[in-house]
Amino acid sequence: MRHSNHPWRHVWAAAAALLAVLGCAGERALIGSSDEPAIYLVLERAPQPAPDGAPPTDSGLRALVVTSAGPQSPSYREVESFALRRSRDGANFDWRIEPATGLVPTVNGSLDGPVVGNVVLPWTTTGTGLGRDSLLAGETYELRVVSEGRLIEGTATLPGVPQPQLQVTGMTQTIVWPRAALAAAYVLVADTEQLGAVLTTDTTYTLRRDRPASQRPPTLRATVIALDANVHAMVTDTTRHASGVRGARGIFGGVSRAAIELPPG
């Protein structure tokens, strides 16, 4: 992933999972002392589609709580409690701890938080709490986790859902969208682009269509992802070890996305 003024770099291993959520490839491993906790949770209401555009295989939302045991070997932490509440009315979400031990599995050397997370929020609301289906744009959420005696807290707000459209002027094709409420920046991912993904604070992007046809999927899409301030801070500050959380390294933030299909030519 690239940006015109700032390379995409991270100091935190679970950033690999963050990059996966944003549709990019992870690079860096978790850096920290052997007993330092780290947490990865990026709220998003809509389940992420499969790479080929097929429906998601898992509608739940996962969080990852780990300990760094070296630059390439984070390990699962025991989680005593995991609570997420909606600030507006104090409503609680039905997060469920899935105990895991040992080293966290990696994919091509990078963590994949949405897959390997050890805490999960089901899609459907139940009698014990709200489900992922109750996450709403514009709402602020408060996190409180106890892991091996360490208290981890955080606050994040889910940004509005982008509304991208394709504008065609002669031979020029441009993706445009109105500013999404509470979005600090956007990531644009287009199947036609060699860059793969672009981080921007603008609300327009002119397609280059420079990706070779052999590398394009049968159905072309452009996705705009709105980032909250916490996620934006993490991905633009290479010295930052935490964003949106206190008492641990990592990220607690929110994203919202929307996609449109692109013409083949």
C-alpha atoms as a PDB file:
ATOM      1  CA  MET A   1       0.000   0.000   0.000  1.00  0.00           C
ATOM      2  CA  ARG A   2       1.376   3.430  -0.867  1.00  0.00           C
ATOM      3  CA  HIS A   3       0.766   7.055  -0.150  1.00  0.00           C
ATOM      4  CA  SER A   4       2.202  10.002  -2.020  1.00  0.00           C
ATOM      5  CA  ASN A   5       3.850  11.522   1.056  1.00  0.00           C
ATOM      6  CA  HIS A   6       4.307   8.645   3.480  1.00  0.00           C
ATOM      7  CA  PRO A   7       5.280   4.984   2.987  1.00  0.00           C
ATOM      8  CA  TRP A   8       3.069   2.319   4.550  1.00  0.00           C
ATOM      9  CA  ARG A   9       5.104   1.070   7.517  1.00  0.00           C
ATOM     10  CA  HIS A  10       4.275  -0.283  10.981  1.00  0.00           C
ATOM     11  CA  VAL A  11       5.957  -0.948  14.297  1.00  0.00           C
ATOM     12  CA  TRP A  12       3.382  -3.427  15.510  1.00  0.00           C
ATOM     13  CA  ALA A  13       2.834  -7.003  14.438  1.00  0.00           C
ATOM     14  CA  ALA A  14      -0.904  -6.979  14.588  1.00  0.00           C
ATOM     15  CA  ALA A  15      -0.622  -4.217  11.996  1.00  0.00           C
ATOM     16  CA  ALA A  16      -0.443  -7.182   9.636  1.00  0.00           C
ATOM     17  CA  ALA A  17      -4.012  -7.970  10.603  1.00  0.00           C
ATOM     18  CA  LEU A  18      -4.966  -4.312  10.225  1.00  0.00           C
ATOM     19  CA  LEU A  19      -3.489  -4.348   6.753  1.00  0.00           C
ATOM     20  CA  ALA A  20      -5.509  -7.449   5.966  1.00  0.00           C
ATOM     21  CA  VAL A  21      -8.692  -5.620   6.973  1.00  0.00           C
ATOM     22  CA  LEU A  22      -7.730  -2.774   4.682  1.00  0.00           C
ATOM     23  CA  GLY A  23      -7.019  -5.149   1.813  1.00  0.00           C
ATOM     24  CA  CYS A  24      -3.229  -4.898   1.909  1.00  0.00           C
ATOM     25  CA  ALA A  25      -0.338  -7.228   2.658  1.00  0.00           C
ATOM     26  CA  GLY A  26       1.282  -7.172   6.096  1.00  0.00           C
ATOM     27  CA  GLU A  27       4.971  -6.391   6.555  1.00  0.00           C
ATOM     28  CA  ARG A  28       6.092  -5.946  10.127  1.00  0.00           C
ATOM     29  CA  ALA A  29       6.120  -8.207  13.184  1.00  0.00           C
ATOM     30  CA  LEU A  30       5.134  -7.362  16.742  1.00  0.00           C
ATOM     31  CA  ILE A  31       7.955  -5.589  18.568  1.00  0.00           C
ATOM     32  CA  GLY A  32       7.977  -5.406  22.357  1.00  0.00           C
ATOM     33  CA  SER A  33       9.103  -6.991  25.604  1.00  0.00           C
ATOM     34  CA  SER A  34       8.295 -10.620  26.317  1.00  0.00           C
ATOM     35  CA  ASP A  35       5.477  -9.785  28.746  1.00  0.00           C
ATOM     36  CA  GLU A  36       3.976  -6.750  26.983  1.00  0.00           C
ATOM     37  CA  PRO A  37       0.297  -7.201  25.975  1.00  0.00           C
ATOM     38  CA  ALA A  38      -0.969  -6.174  22.575  1.00  0.00           C
ATOM     39  CA  ILE A  39      -4.501  -6.052  21.208  1.00  0.00           C
ATOM     40  CA  TYR A  40      -5.936  -5.806  17.722  1.00  0.00           C
ATOM     41  CA  LEU A  41      -9.570  -4.819  17.205  1.00  0.00           C
ATOM     42  CA  VAL A  42     -10.867  -2.835  14.244  1.00  0.00           C
ATOM     43  CA  LEU A  43     -14.642  -2.491  14.366  1.00  0.00           C
ATOM     44  CA  GLU A  44     -16.474  -2.939  11.088  1.00  0.00           C
ATOM     45  CA  ARG A  45     -20.134  -3.772  10.750  1.00  0.00           C
ATOM     46  CA  ALA A  46     -20.040  -5.416   7.334  1.00  0.00           C
ATOM     47  CA  PRO A  47     -18.148  -8.713   7.119  1.00  0.00           C
ATOM     48  CA  GLN A  48     -15.217  -8.505   4.738  1.00  0.00           C
ATOM     49  CA  PRO A  49     -15.902 -10.210   1.389  1.00  0.00           C
ATOM     50  CA  ALA A  50     -13.643 -12.936   0.078  1.00  0.00           C
ATOM     51  CA  PRO A  51     -10.857 -11.791  -2.294  1.00  0.00           C
ATOM     52  CA  ASP A  52     -12.793 -13.026  -5.333  1.00  0.00           C
ATOM     53  CA  GLY A  53     -15.862 -11.034  -4.302  1.00  0.00           C
ATOM     54  CA  ALA A  54     -17.713 -14.078  -2.995  1.00  0.00           C
ATOM     55  CA  PRO A  55     -19.814 -13.752   0.171  1.00  0.00           C
ATOM     56  CA  PRO A  56     -17.818 -13.816   3.427  1.00  0.00           C
ATOM     57  CA  THR A  57     -17.336 -17.228   4.999  1.00  0.00           C
ATOM     58  CA  ASP A  58     -17.530 -15.866   8.554  1.00  0.00           C
ATOM     59  CA  SER A  59     -19.925 -13.102   9.605  1.00  0.00           C
ATOM     60  CA  GLY A  60     -18.411 -12.739  13.074  1.00  0.00           C
ATOM     61  CA  LEU A  61     -15.913 -10.073  14.099  1.00  0.00           C
ATOM     62  CA  ARG A  62     -12.697 -11.191  15.780  1.00  0.00           C
ATOM     63  CA  ALA A  63     -10.247  -9.553  18.154  1.00  0.00           C
ATOM     64  CA  LEU A  64      -6.703 -10.669  18.879  1.00  0.00           C
ATOM     65  CA  VAL A  65      -5.021 -10.410  22.304  1.00  0.00           C
ATOM     66  CA  VAL A  66      -1.365 -11.471  22.333  1.00  0.00           C
ATOM     67  CA  THR A  67       1.999 -11.218  24.047  1.00  0.00           C
ATOM     68  CA  SER A  68       5.126 -10.445  22.081  1.00  0.00           C
ATOM     69  CA  ALA A  69       7.737 -13.173  22.532  1.00  0.00           C
ATOM     70  CA  GLY A  70      10.110 -11.864  19.899  1.00  0.00           C
ATOM     71  CA  PRO A  71       9.910 -10.142  16.518  1.00  0.00           C
ATOM     72  CA  GLN A  72       8.347 -13.130  14.711  1.00  0.00           C
ATOM     73  CA  SER A  73       6.600 -15.142  17.409  1.00  0.00           C
ATOM     74  CA  PRO A  74       3.682 -13.465  19.204  1.00  0.00           C
ATOM     75  CA  SER A  75       1.772 -15.794  21.500  1.00  0.00           C
ATOM     76  CA  TYR A  76      -1.832 -15.877  22.659  1.00  0.00           C
ATOM     77  CA  ARG A  77      -2.653 -14.357  26.049  1.00  0.00           C
ATOM     78  CA  GLU A  78      -5.224 -15.589  28.513  1.00  0.00           C
ATOM     79  CA  VAL A  79      -8.229 -13.261  28.483  1.00  0.00           C
ATOM     80  CA  GLU A  80     -10.170 -13.047  31.736  1.00  0.00           C
ATOM     81  CA  SER A  81     -12.795 -10.586  30.482  1.00  0.00           C
ATOM     82  CA  PHE A  82     -13.568  -8.748  27.262  1.00  0.00           C
ATOM     83  CA  ALA A  83     -16.268  -6.059  27.226  1.00  0.00           C
ATOM     84  CA  LEU A  84     -17.425  -3.618  24.573  1.00  0.00           C
ATOM     85  CA  ARG A  85     -20.186  -1.119  25.367  1.00  0.00           C
ATOM     86  CA  ARG A  86     -21.951   1.536  23.315  1.00  0.00           C
ATOM     87  CA  SER A  87     -21.272   4.935  24.862  1.00  0.00           C
ATOM     88  CA  ARG A  88     -24.684   6.380  24.046  1.00  0.00           C
ATOM     89  CA  ASP A  89     -26.729   3.981  26.140  1.00  0.00           C
ATOM     90  CA  GLY A  90     -24.280   1.590  27.795  1.00  0.00           C
ATOM     91  CA  ALA A  91     -25.527  -1.394  25.782  1.00  0.00           C
ATOM     92  CA  ASN A  92     -23.103  -4.339  25.913  1.00  0.00           C
ATOM     93  CA  PHE A  93     -21.970  -6.588  23.081  1.00  0.00           C
ATOM     94  CA  ASP A  94     -21.846 -10.370  23.223  1.00  0.00           C
ATOM     95  CA  TRP A  95     -18.095 -10.950  22.842  1.00  0.00           C
ATOM     96  CA  ARG A  96     -17.067 -14.544  23.463  1.00  0.00           C
ATOM     97  CA  ILE A  97     -13.602 -15.617  24.557  1.00  0.00           C
ATOM     98  CA  GLU A  98     -12.163 -18.545  22.620  1.00  0.00           C
ATOM     99  CA  PRO A  99      -9.185 -19.681  24.736  1.00  0.00           C
ATOM    100  CA  ALA A 100      -6.034 -20.326  22.727  1.00  0.00           C
ATOM    101  CA  THR A 101      -2.447 -21.050  23.715  1.00  0.00           C
ATOM    102  CA  GLY A 102       0.898 -21.172  21.993  1.00  0.00           C
ATOM    103  CA  LEU A 103       2.242 -19.135  19.118  1.00  0.00           C
ATOM    104  CA  VAL A 104      -0.170 -17.283  16.867  1.00  0.00           C
ATOM    105  CA  PRO A 105      -0.331 -18.821  13.357  1.00  0.00           C
ATOM    106  CA  THR A 106       0.976 -16.651  10.556  1.00  0.00           C
ATOM    107  CA  VAL A 107       0.178 -16.381   6.857  1.00  0.00           C
ATOM    108  CA  ASN A 108       3.270 -15.740   4.742  1.00  0.00           C
ATOM    109  CA  GLY A 109       5.031 -14.503   7.861  1.00  0.00           C
ATOM    110  CA  SER A 110       2.259 -12.099   8.854  1.00  0.00           C
ATOM    111  CA  LEU A 111      -0.518 -12.284  11.408  1.00  0.00           C
ATOM    112  CA  ASP A 112      -4.068 -12.507  10.097  1.00  0.00           C
ATOM    113  CA  GLY A 113      -6.126 -11.088  12.957  1.00  0.00           C
ATOM    114  CA  PRO A 114      -9.594 -11.665  11.489  1.00  0.00           C
ATOM    115  CA  VAL A 115      -8.783 -15.385  11.272  1.00  0.00           C
ATOM    116  CA  VAL A 116      -6.577 -16.079  14.299  1.00  0.00           C
ATOM    117  CA  GLY A 117      -8.372 -13.863  16.824  1.00  0.00           C
ATOM    118  CA  ASN A 118      -9.069 -15.397  20.228  1.00  0.00           C
ATOM    119  CA  VAL A 119     -12.213 -13.343  20.977  1.00  0.00           C
ATOM    120  CA  VAL A 120     -15.243 -13.306  18.663  1.00  0.00           C
ATOM    121  CA  LEU A 121     -18.409 -11.231  18.311  1.00  0.00           C
ATOM    122  CA  PRO A 122     -21.199 -13.215  16.576  1.00  0.00           C
ATOM    123  CA  TRP A 123     -23.308 -11.523  13.926  1.00  0.00           C
ATOM    124  CA  THR A 124     -26.665 -11.898  15.633  1.00  0.00           C
ATOM    125  CA  THR A 125     -27.831 -10.156  18.800  1.00  0.00           C
ATOM    126  CA  THR A 126     -28.767 -12.587  21.579  1.00  0.00           C
ATOM    127  CA  GLY A 127     -30.186 -12.405  25.075  1.00  0.00           C
ATOM    128  CA  THR A 128     -26.666 -12.008  26.435  1.00  0.00           C
ATOM    129  CA  GLY A 129     -25.716  -8.977  24.359  1.00  0.00           C
ATOM    130  CA  LEU A 130     -25.625  -7.179  21.028  1.00  0.00           C
ATOM    131  CA  GLY A 131     -24.140  -8.792  17.943  1.00  0.00           C
ATOM    132  CA  ARG A 132     -22.057  -7.418  15.115  1.00  0.00           C
ATOM    133  CA  ASP A 133     -25.291  -6.527  13.343  1.00  0.00           C
ATOM    134  CA  SER A 134     -25.808  -3.783  15.960  1.00  0.00           C
ATOM    135  CA  LEU A 135     -22.583  -1.906  15.170  1.00  0.00           C
ATOM    136  CA  LEU A 136     -23.642   1.430  13.699  1.00  0.00           C
ATOM    137  CA  ALA A 137     -21.803   4.232  11.951  1.00  0.00           C
ATOM    138  CA  GLY A 138     -21.439   7.345  14.065  1.00  0.00           C
ATOM    139  CA  GLU A 139     -21.573   5.485  17.372  1.00  0.00           C
ATOM    140  CA  THR A 140     -18.735   5.583  19.913  1.00  0.00           C
ATOM    141  CA  TYR A 141     -17.674   2.367  21.629  1.00  0.00           C
ATOM    142  CA  GLU A 142     -15.732   1.741  24.833  1.00  0.00           C
ATOM    143  CA  LEU A 143     -13.451  -1.259  25.302  1.00  0.00           C
ATOM    144  CA  ARG A 144     -12.395  -2.842  28.585  1.00  0.00           C
ATOM    145  CA  VAL A 145     -10.255  -5.989  28.632  1.00  0.00           C
ATOM    146  CA  VAL A 146      -8.510  -7.828  31.448  1.00  0.00           C
ATOM    147  CA  SER A 147      -5.739 -10.146  30.277  1.00  0.00           C
ATOM    148  CA  GLU A 148      -3.409 -11.917  32.697  1.00  0.00           C
ATOM    149  CA  GLY A 149      -4.086  -9.224  35.261  1.00  0.00           C
ATOM    150  CA  ARG A 150      -3.467  -6.324  32.863  1.00  0.00           C
ATOM    151  CA  LEU A 151      -6.242  -3.790  32.249  1.00  0.00           C
ATOM    152  CA  ILE A 152      -6.615  -2.617  28.647  1.00  0.00           C
ATOM    153  CA  GLU A 153      -9.066   0.166  27.791  1.00  0.00           C
ATOM    154  CA  GLY A 154      -9.925   2.128  24.687  1.00  0.00           C
ATOM    155  CA  THR A 155     -12.423   4.303  22.828  1.00  0.00           C
ATOM    156  CA  ALA A 156     -13.257   4.320  19.128  1.00  0.00           C
ATOM    157  CA  THR A 157     -15.956   5.713  16.842  1.00  0.00           C
ATOM    158  CA  LEU A 158     -17.216   3.931  13.733  1.00  0.00           C
ATOM    159  CA  PRO A 159     -17.044   6.276  10.703  1.00  0.00           C
ATOM    160  CA  GLY A 160     -19.794   6.680   8.163  1.00  0.00           C
ATOM    161  CA  VAL A 161     -20.082   4.345   5.180  1.00  0.00           C
ATOM    162  CA  PRO A 162     -18.596   5.812   1.968  1.00  0.00           C
ATOM    163  CA  GLN A 163     -20.812   6.191  -1.097  1.00  0.00           C
ATOM    164  CA  PRO A 164     -18.474   5.843  -4.097  1.00  0.00           C
ATOM    165  CA  GLN A 165     -19.581   6.502  -7.669  1.00  0.00           C
ATOM    166  CA  LEU A 166     -17.835   6.264 -11.033  1.00  0.00           C
ATOM    167  CA  GLN A 167     -17.669   9.409 -13.157  1.00  0.00           C
ATOM    168  CA  VAL A 168     -16.650   9.048 -16.806  1.00  0.00           C
ATOM    169  CA  THR A 169     -15.440  12.045 -18.824  1.00  0.00           C
ATOM    170  CA  GLY A 170     -14.171  11.033 -22.257  1.00  0.00           C
ATOM    171  CA  MET A 171     -11.405   8.496 -21.612  1.00  0.00           C
ATOM    172  CA  THR A 172     -11.035   9.476 -17.954  1.00  0.00           C
ATOM    173  CA  GLN A 173     -12.647   7.411 -15.201  1.00  0.00           C
ATOM    174  CA  THR A 174     -12.766   8.866 -11.694  1.00  0.00           C
ATOM    175  CA  ILE A 175     -14.014   7.414  -8.419  1.00  0.00           C
ATOM    176  CA  VAL A 176     -15.726  10.117  -6.322  1.00  0.00           C
ATOM    177  CA  TRP A 177     -17.501   9.999  -2.985  1.00  0.00           C
ATOM    178  CA  PRO A 178     -18.879  12.510  -0.471  1.00  0.00           C
ATOM    179  CA  ARG A 179     -17.026  12.826   2.796  1.00  0.00           C
ATOM    180  CA  ALA A 180     -18.080  10.163   5.262  1.00  0.00           C
ATOM    181  CA  ALA A 181     -18.975  11.384   8.739  1.00  0.00           C
ATOM    182  CA  LEU A 182     -16.123  11.069  11.254  1.00  0.00           C
ATOM    183  CA  ALA A 183     -13.691   9.674   8.675  1.00  0.00           C
ATOM    184  CA  ALA A 184     -10.092  10.858   9.106  1.00  0.00           C
ATOM    185  CA  ALA A 185      -8.923   9.376   5.791  1.00  0.00           C
ATOM    186  CA  TYR A 186      -9.747   6.769   3.186  1.00  0.00           C
ATOM    187  CA  VAL A 187      -8.169   3.753   1.559  1.00  0.00           C
ATOM    188  CA  LEU A 188      -9.079   3.135  -2.064  1.00  0.00           C
ATOM    189  CA  VAL A 189      -8.516  -0.361  -3.435  1.00  0.00           C
ATOM    190  CA  ALA A 190      -9.164  -0.854  -7.156  1.00  0.00           C
ATOM    191  CA  ASP A 191      -8.640  -4.013  -9.203  1.00  0.00           C
ATOM    192  CA  THR A 192      -7.463  -1.880 -12.125  1.00  0.00           C
ATOM    193  CA  GLU A 193      -4.584  -0.238 -10.279  1.00  0.00           C
ATOM    194  CA  GLN A 194      -0.965  -1.426 -10.137  1.00  0.00           C
ATOM    195  CA  LEU A 195      -0.561   0.285  -6.763  1.00  0.00           C
ATOM    196  CA  GLY A 196      -3.220  -1.972  -5.321  1.00  0.00           C
ATOM    197  CA  ALA A 197      -4.325   0.509  -2.664  1.00  0.00           C
ATOM    198  CA  VAL A 198      -4.003   4.219  -1.968  1.00  0.00           C
ATOM    199  CA  LEU A 199      -4.270   6.080   1.335  1.00  0.00           C
ATOM    200  CA  THR A 200      -5.811   9.511   0.860  1.00  0.00           C
ATOM    201  CA  THR A 201      -7.620  12.325   2.635  1.00  0.00           C
ATOM    202  CA  ASP A 202      -9.187  13.382  -0.660  1.00  0.00           C
ATOM    203  CA  THR A 203     -12.574  12.182  -1.939  1.00  0.00           C
ATOM    204  CA  THR A 204     -11.677  11.609  -5.568  1.00  0.00           C
ATOM    205  CA  TYR A 205      -9.310   9.291  -7.398  1.00  0.00           C
ATOM    206  CA  THR A 206      -8.634   9.094 -11.128  1.00  0.00           C
ATOM    207  CA  LEU A 207      -8.111   5.521 -12.254  1.00  0.00           C
ATOM    208  CA  ARG A 208      -4.850   4.769 -14.048  1.00  0.00           C
ATOM    209  CA  ARG A 209      -5.976   1.300 -15.154  1.00  0.00           C
ATOM    210  CA  ASP A 210      -2.316   0.270 -15.288  1.00  0.00           C
ATOM    211  CA  ARG A 211      -2.600  -3.235 -13.825  1.00  0.00           C
ATOM    212  CA  PRO A 212      -1.947  -5.893 -16.489  1.00  0.00           C
ATOM    213  CA  ALA A 213      -5.091  -7.630 -17.687  1.00  0.00           C
ATOM    214  CA  SER A 214      -3.626 -10.997 -16.681  1.00  0.00           C
ATOM    215  CA  GLN A 215      -3.594  -9.848 -13.028  1.00  0.00           C
ATOM    216  CA  ARG A 216      -7.175  -8.575 -12.941  1.00  0.00           C
ATOM    217  CA  PRO A 217     -10.109 -10.623 -11.650  1.00  0.00           C
ATOM    218  CA  PRO A 218     -13.052 -11.331 -13.986  1.00  0.00           C
ATOM    219  CA  THR A 219     -15.240  -8.767 -12.197  1.00  0.00           C
ATOM    220  CA  LEU A 220     -13.511  -5.462 -11.489  1.00  0.00           C
ATOM    221  CA  ARG A 221     -14.296  -3.553  -8.300  1.00  0.00           C
ATOM    222  CA  ALA A 222     -13.244  -0.385  -6.533  1.00  0.00           C
ATOM    223  CA  THR A 223     -13.580  -0.242  -2.762  1.00  0.00           C
ATOM    224  CA  VAL A 224     -13.442   2.864  -0.593  1.00  0.00           C
ATOM    225  CA  ILE A 225     -12.685   2.292   3.100  1.00  0.00           C
ATOM    226  CA  ALA A 226     -13.270   5.090   5.612  1.00  0.00           C
ATOM    227  CA  LEU A 227     -10.790   5.110   8.522  1.00  0.00           C
ATOM    228  CA  ASP A 228     -11.465   6.548  11.948  1.00  0.00           C
ATOM    229  CA  ALA A 229      -8.859   8.737  13.647  1.00  0.00           C
ATOM    230  CA  ASN A 230      -7.335   5.810  15.570  1.00  0.00           C
ATOM    231  CA  VAL A 231      -6.680   3.689  12.498  1.00  0.00           C
ATOM    232  CA  HIS A 232      -5.426   6.676  10.543  1.00  0.00           C
ATOM    233  CA  ALA A 233      -3.000   7.594  13.317  1.00  0.00           C
ATOM    234  CA  MET A 234      -1.574   4.078  13.417  1.00  0.00           C
ATOM    235  CA  VAL A 235      -0.995   3.788   9.691  1.00  0.00           C
ATOM    236  CA  THR A 236       0.574   7.233   9.248  1.00  0.00           C
ATOM    237  CA  ASP A 237       2.863   7.418  12.311  1.00  0.00           C
ATOM    238  CA  THR A 238       5.711   4.919  12.080  1.00  0.00           C
ATOM    239  CA  THR A 239       6.782   5.612  15.678  1.00  0.00           C
ATOM    240  CA  ARG A 240       3.399   4.810  17.205  1.00  0.00           C
ATOM    241  CA  HIS A 241       3.048   1.612  19.233  1.00  0.00           C
ATOM    242  CA  ALA A 242      -0.614   2.053  20.171  1.00  0.00           C
ATOM    243  CA  SER A 243      -3.667   3.898  18.941  1.00  0.00           C
ATOM    244  CA  GLY A 244      -7.056   4.029  20.621  1.00  0.00           C
ATOM    245  CA  VAL A 245      -5.910   1.815  23.516  1.00  0.00           C
ATOM    246  CA  ARG A 246      -4.367   2.327  26.949  1.00  0.00           C
ATOM    247  CA  GLY A 247      -2.463  -0.315  28.886  1.00  0.00           C
ATOM    248  CA  ALA A 248      -1.238  -2.221  25.836  1.00  0.00           C
ATOM    249  CA  ARG A 249       0.252  -1.911  22.424  1.00  0.00           C
ATOM    250  CA  GLY A 250      -1.994  -2.222  19.388  1.00  0.00           C
ATOM    251  CA  ILE A 251      -5.042  -0.714  17.791  1.00  0.00           C
ATOM    252  CA  PHE A 252      -8.687  -0.171  18.664  1.00  0.00           C
ATOM    253  CA  GLY A 253     -10.415   1.662  15.865  1.00  0.00           C
ATOM    254  CA  GLY A 254     -13.145   1.518  13.269  1.00  0.00           C
ATOM    255  CA  VAL A 255     -13.560   1.321   9.498  1.00  0.00           C
ATOM    256  CA  SER A 256     -16.476   1.301   7.076  1.00  0.00           C
ATOM    257  CA  ARG A 257     -16.338   0.276   3.421  1.00  0.00           C
ATOM    258  CA  ALA A 258     -18.354   0.222   0.224  1.00  0.00           C
ATOM    259  CA  ALA A 259     -17.572  -1.153  -3.232  1.00  0.00           C
ATOM    260  CA  ILE A 260     -18.735  -0.551  -6.795  1.00  0.00           C
ATOM    261  CA  GLU A 261     -18.173  -2.534  -9.972  1.00  0.00           C
ATOM    262  CA  LEU A 262     -15.993  -1.076 -12.728  1.00  0.00           C
ATOM    263  CA  PRO A 263     -16.389  -1.495 -16.485  1.00  0.00           C
ATOM    264  CA  PRO A 264     -13.890  -3.917 -18.051  1.00  0.00           C
ATOM    265  CA  GLY A 265     -12.518  -1.479 -20.587  1.00  0.00           C
END
